[in-house]
Amino acid sequence: MTRFSKNKTIDIVLLKGPFKRLHCTWKFSDHTMSNGKVGAAIDFNIDFEFKNPFLDGFLRANFDKAVARLMACFEGRAQALYPTV
């Protein structure tokens, strides 16, 4: 995993594990909300392929659910750390 604080980017590349490839990028930028408060906009991108075709097919079929769960966990943690947002 490489973290680029200056660019507000987290870049993740799997070196070993159950994937043929995994590349994930989180990009954070300032965002003014409708109430005038400044928050963050998050751009999340993931490219992956499992070594096991069954797992690959299963996750791709359920990809929207998996991403929704990941985002819910991220948002929950952000609310715990920054409750005023």
N, C-alpha and C. Protein backbone atom coordinates (compact mmCIF):
# COMPACT_ATOMS: atom_id res chain seq x y z
N MET A 1 0.85 -1.17 0.00
CA MET A 1 0.00 0.00 0.00
C MET A 1 0.89 1.23 0.00
N THR A 2 0.53 2.19 -0.79
CA THR A 2 1.25 3.45 -0.86
C THR A 2 0.29 4.56 -0.50
N ARG A 3 0.72 5.45 0.36
CA ARG A 3 -0.13 6.57 0.75
C ARG A 3 0.51 7.86 0.24
N PHE A 4 -0.25 8.66 -0.45
CA PHE A 4 0.22 9.94 -0.96
C PHE A 4 -0.53 11.04 -0.23
N SER A 5 -0.03 11.48 0.91
CA SER A 5 -0.73 12.49 1.71
C SER A 5 -0.89 13.80 0.97
N LYS A 6 0.15 14.21 0.24
CA LYS A 6 0.09 15.49 -0.46
C LYS A 6 -1.06 15.51 -1.47
N ASN A 7 -1.25 14.42 -2.16
CA ASN A 7 -2.31 14.33 -3.16
C ASN A 7 -3.62 13.79 -2.59
N LYS A 8 -3.64 13.51 -1.29
CA LYS A 8 -4.82 12.95 -0.63
C LYS A 8 -5.29 11.68 -1.34
N THR A 9 -4.35 10.79 -1.60
CA THR A 9 -4.62 9.56 -2.34
C THR A 9 -4.04 8.37 -1.60
N ILE A 10 -4.80 7.28 -1.59
CA ILE A 10 -4.31 5.99 -1.09
C ILE A 10 -4.38 5.03 -2.26
N ASP A 11 -3.26 4.42 -2.58
CA ASP A 11 -3.16 3.51 -3.71
C ASP A 11 -2.77 2.14 -3.18
N ILE A 12 -3.57 1.11 -3.45
CA ILE A 12 -3.34 -0.23 -2.92
C ILE A 12 -3.16 -1.20 -4.08
N VAL A 13 -2.06 -1.94 -4.05
CA VAL A 13 -1.80 -2.98 -5.04
C VAL A 13 -1.46 -4.25 -4.28
N LEU A 14 -2.19 -5.32 -4.54
CA LEU A 14 -1.93 -6.59 -3.86
C LEU A 14 -0.69 -7.24 -4.44
N LEU A 15 0.20 -7.64 -3.55
CA LEU A 15 1.42 -8.32 -3.98
C LEU A 15 1.30 -9.83 -3.85
N LYS A 16 0.43 -10.28 -2.95
CA LYS A 16 0.30 -11.71 -2.67
C LYS A 16 -1.10 -11.95 -2.12
N GLY A 17 -1.71 -13.06 -2.51
CA GLY A 17 -3.03 -13.36 -1.97
C GLY A 17 -3.92 -14.07 -2.97
N PRO A 18 -5.24 -14.04 -2.74
CA PRO A 18 -6.18 -14.81 -3.55
C PRO A 18 -6.52 -14.18 -4.91
N PHE A 19 -5.96 -13.02 -5.20
CA PHE A 19 -6.27 -12.33 -6.45
C PHE A 19 -5.19 -12.53 -7.50
N LYS A 20 -5.61 -12.60 -8.77
CA LYS A 20 -4.64 -12.49 -9.87
C LYS A 20 -4.14 -11.06 -9.90
N ARG A 21 -5.09 -10.13 -9.69
CA ARG A 21 -4.72 -8.72 -9.62
C ARG A 21 -5.71 -7.99 -8.72
N LEU A 22 -5.21 -6.99 -8.05
CA LEU A 22 -6.05 -6.11 -7.23
C LEU A 22 -5.37 -4.75 -7.20
N HIS A 23 -6.06 -3.76 -7.67
CA HIS A 23 -5.58 -2.39 -7.61
C HIS A 23 -6.74 -1.53 -7.16
N CYS A 24 -6.52 -0.81 -6.09
CA CYS A 24 -7.58 -0.02 -5.47
C CYS A 24 -7.03 1.39 -5.21
N THR A 25 -7.82 2.40 -5.53
CA THR A 25 -7.40 3.78 -5.29
C THR A 25 -8.52 4.55 -4.59
N TRP A 26 -8.15 5.25 -3.54
CA TRP A 26 -9.05 6.16 -2.84
C TRP A 26 -8.49 7.56 -3.06
N LYS A 27 -9.30 8.48 -3.56
CA LYS A 27 -8.88 9.87 -3.74
C LYS A 27 -9.83 10.76 -2.96
N PHE A 28 -9.26 11.63 -2.16
CA PHE A 28 -10.04 12.52 -1.30
C PHE A 28 -9.85 13.96 -1.77
N SER A 29 -10.94 14.71 -1.83
CA SER A 29 -10.86 16.12 -2.18
C SER A 29 -11.85 16.90 -1.32
N ASP A 30 -11.55 18.18 -1.14
CA ASP A 30 -12.45 19.04 -0.37
C ASP A 30 -13.77 19.20 -1.11
N HIS A 31 -14.85 19.27 -0.33
CA HIS A 31 -16.18 19.39 -0.92
C HIS A 31 -17.04 20.26 0.00
N THR A 32 -17.64 21.30 -0.55
CA THR A 32 -18.54 22.14 0.22
C THR A 32 -19.94 21.56 0.12
N MET A 33 -20.50 21.25 1.29
CA MET A 33 -21.83 20.64 1.34
C MET A 33 -22.92 21.70 1.21
N SER A 34 -24.15 21.27 1.05
CA SER A 34 -25.28 22.20 0.86
C SER A 34 -25.49 23.11 2.07
N ASN A 35 -25.05 22.67 3.26
CA ASN A 35 -25.20 23.50 4.46
C ASN A 35 -24.03 24.46 4.64
N GLY A 36 -23.10 24.48 3.67
CA GLY A 36 -21.96 25.39 3.72
C GLY A 36 -20.74 24.83 4.42
N LYS A 37 -20.89 23.71 5.10
CA LYS A 37 -19.74 23.09 5.76
C LYS A 37 -18.84 22.43 4.73
N VAL A 38 -17.55 22.41 5.05
CA VAL A 38 -16.59 21.76 4.15
C VAL A 38 -16.39 20.33 4.62
N GLY A 39 -16.55 19.42 3.70
CA GLY A 39 -16.35 18.00 3.98
C GLY A 39 -15.40 17.42 2.95
N ALA A 40 -15.58 16.17 2.67
CA ALA A 40 -14.71 15.49 1.71
C ALA A 40 -15.54 14.76 0.66
N ALA A 41 -15.06 14.82 -0.56
CA ALA A 41 -15.60 13.99 -1.63
C ALA A 41 -14.61 12.85 -1.81
N ILE A 42 -15.12 11.66 -2.01
CA ILE A 42 -14.26 10.48 -2.10
C ILE A 42 -14.52 9.77 -3.42
N ASP A 43 -13.44 9.54 -4.14
CA ASP A 43 -13.50 8.78 -5.39
C ASP A 43 -12.83 7.44 -5.12
N PHE A 44 -13.57 6.35 -5.29
CA PHE A 44 -13.07 5.01 -5.03
C PHE A 44 -13.08 4.22 -6.32
N ASN A 45 -11.96 3.61 -6.65
CA ASN A 45 -11.85 2.83 -7.87
C ASN A 45 -11.17 1.50 -7.53
N ILE A 46 -11.72 0.40 -8.04
CA ILE A 46 -11.13 -0.91 -7.78
C ILE A 46 -11.15 -1.74 -9.06
N ASP A 47 -10.04 -2.42 -9.30
CA ASP A 47 -9.91 -3.35 -10.42
C ASP A 47 -9.35 -4.64 -9.84
N PHE A 48 -10.04 -5.75 -10.07
CA PHE A 48 -9.62 -7.00 -9.46
C PHE A 48 -9.98 -8.20 -10.32
N GLU A 49 -9.30 -9.30 -10.05
CA GLU A 49 -9.65 -10.60 -10.61
C GLU A 49 -9.12 -11.65 -9.65
N PHE A 50 -10.01 -12.54 -9.20
CA PHE A 50 -9.60 -13.64 -8.33
C PHE A 50 -8.89 -14.72 -9.13
N LYS A 51 -8.00 -15.44 -8.46
CA LYS A 51 -7.36 -16.61 -9.08
C LYS A 51 -8.40 -17.71 -9.30
N ASN A 52 -9.31 -17.86 -8.35
CA ASN A 52 -10.36 -18.87 -8.41
C ASN A 52 -11.55 -18.34 -9.22
N PRO A 53 -11.87 -18.95 -10.36
CA PRO A 53 -12.96 -18.45 -11.21
C PRO A 53 -14.32 -18.43 -10.50
N PHE A 54 -14.57 -19.38 -9.59
CA PHE A 54 -15.83 -19.41 -8.85
C PHE A 54 -15.95 -18.17 -7.97
N LEU A 55 -14.90 -17.87 -7.20
CA LEU A 55 -14.92 -16.68 -6.34
C LEU A 55 -15.03 -15.41 -7.17
N ASP A 56 -14.33 -15.38 -8.30
CA ASP A 56 -14.38 -14.21 -9.17
C ASP A 56 -15.81 -13.98 -9.66
N GLY A 57 -16.46 -15.03 -10.13
CA GLY A 57 -17.83 -14.92 -10.61
C GLY A 57 -18.80 -14.53 -9.51
N PHE A 58 -18.61 -15.12 -8.32
CA PHE A 58 -19.48 -14.82 -7.18
C PHE A 58 -19.38 -13.35 -6.79
N LEU A 59 -18.14 -12.85 -6.65
CA LEU A 59 -17.99 -11.46 -6.24
C LEU A 59 -18.48 -10.50 -7.31
N ARG A 60 -18.22 -10.81 -8.56
CA ARG A 60 -18.70 -9.92 -9.63
C ARG A 60 -20.23 -9.88 -9.65
N ALA A 61 -20.88 -11.01 -9.37
CA ALA A 61 -22.34 -11.06 -9.34
C ALA A 61 -22.90 -10.26 -8.16
N ASN A 62 -22.11 -10.13 -7.10
CA ASN A 62 -22.54 -9.43 -5.89
C ASN A 62 -21.74 -8.16 -5.65
N PHE A 63 -21.13 -7.64 -6.70
CA PHE A 63 -20.21 -6.51 -6.57
C PHE A 63 -20.88 -5.27 -5.97
N ASP A 64 -22.07 -4.94 -6.43
CA ASP A 64 -22.77 -3.75 -5.91
C ASP A 64 -23.01 -3.87 -4.41
N LYS A 65 -23.40 -5.06 -3.95
CA LYS A 65 -23.62 -5.28 -2.52
C LYS A 65 -22.32 -5.15 -1.74
N ALA A 66 -21.24 -5.70 -2.29
CA ALA A 66 -19.94 -5.65 -1.62
C ALA A 66 -19.45 -4.21 -1.49
N VAL A 67 -19.59 -3.43 -2.55
CA VAL A 67 -19.16 -2.03 -2.51
C VAL A 67 -20.04 -1.22 -1.56
N ALA A 68 -21.35 -1.47 -1.56
CA ALA A 68 -22.25 -0.77 -0.65
C ALA A 68 -21.86 -1.06 0.80
N ARG A 69 -21.51 -2.29 1.09
CA ARG A 69 -21.09 -2.67 2.45
C ARG A 69 -19.77 -1.99 2.82
N LEU A 70 -18.83 -1.97 1.90
CA LEU A 70 -17.55 -1.31 2.13
C LEU A 70 -17.75 0.18 2.41
N MET A 71 -18.60 0.83 1.62
CA MET A 71 -18.86 2.26 1.81
C MET A 71 -19.57 2.52 3.14
N ALA A 72 -20.51 1.65 3.51
CA ALA A 72 -21.22 1.81 4.79
C ALA A 72 -20.24 1.71 5.96
N CYS A 73 -19.31 0.78 5.89
CA CYS A 73 -18.29 0.64 6.93
C CYS A 73 -17.40 1.88 6.99
N PHE A 74 -17.00 2.36 5.82
CA PHE A 74 -16.16 3.56 5.75
C PHE A 74 -16.89 4.76 6.35
N GLU A 75 -18.15 4.96 5.96
CA GLU A 75 -18.93 6.08 6.46
C GLU A 75 -19.17 5.97 7.97
N GLY A 76 -19.43 4.75 8.45
CA GLY A 76 -19.63 4.55 9.88
C GLY A 76 -18.39 4.90 10.68
N ARG A 77 -17.24 4.51 10.18
CA ARG A 77 -15.98 4.83 10.86
C ARG A 77 -15.71 6.33 10.81
N ALA A 78 -15.98 6.96 9.68
CA ALA A 78 -15.79 8.40 9.56
C ALA A 78 -16.70 9.15 10.55
N GLN A 79 -17.95 8.70 10.69
CA GLN A 79 -18.88 9.33 11.64
C GLN A 79 -18.39 9.15 13.08
N ALA A 80 -17.79 7.99 13.37
CA ALA A 80 -17.27 7.75 14.72
C ALA A 80 -16.08 8.66 15.02
N LEU A 81 -15.24 8.88 14.02
CA LEU A 81 -14.05 9.71 14.21
C LEU A 81 -14.36 11.20 14.13
N TYR A 82 -15.31 11.57 13.28
CA TYR A 82 -15.64 12.98 13.03
C TYR A 82 -17.15 13.18 13.16
N PRO A 83 -17.70 13.10 14.38
CA PRO A 83 -19.15 13.11 14.56
C PRO A 83 -19.84 14.41 14.15
N THR A 84 -19.12 15.50 13.98
CA THR A 84 -19.76 16.77 13.62
C THR A 84 -20.05 16.87 12.14
N VAL A 85 -19.55 15.94 11.35
CA VAL A 85 -19.76 16.02 9.89
C VAL A 85 -21.14 15.55 9.54
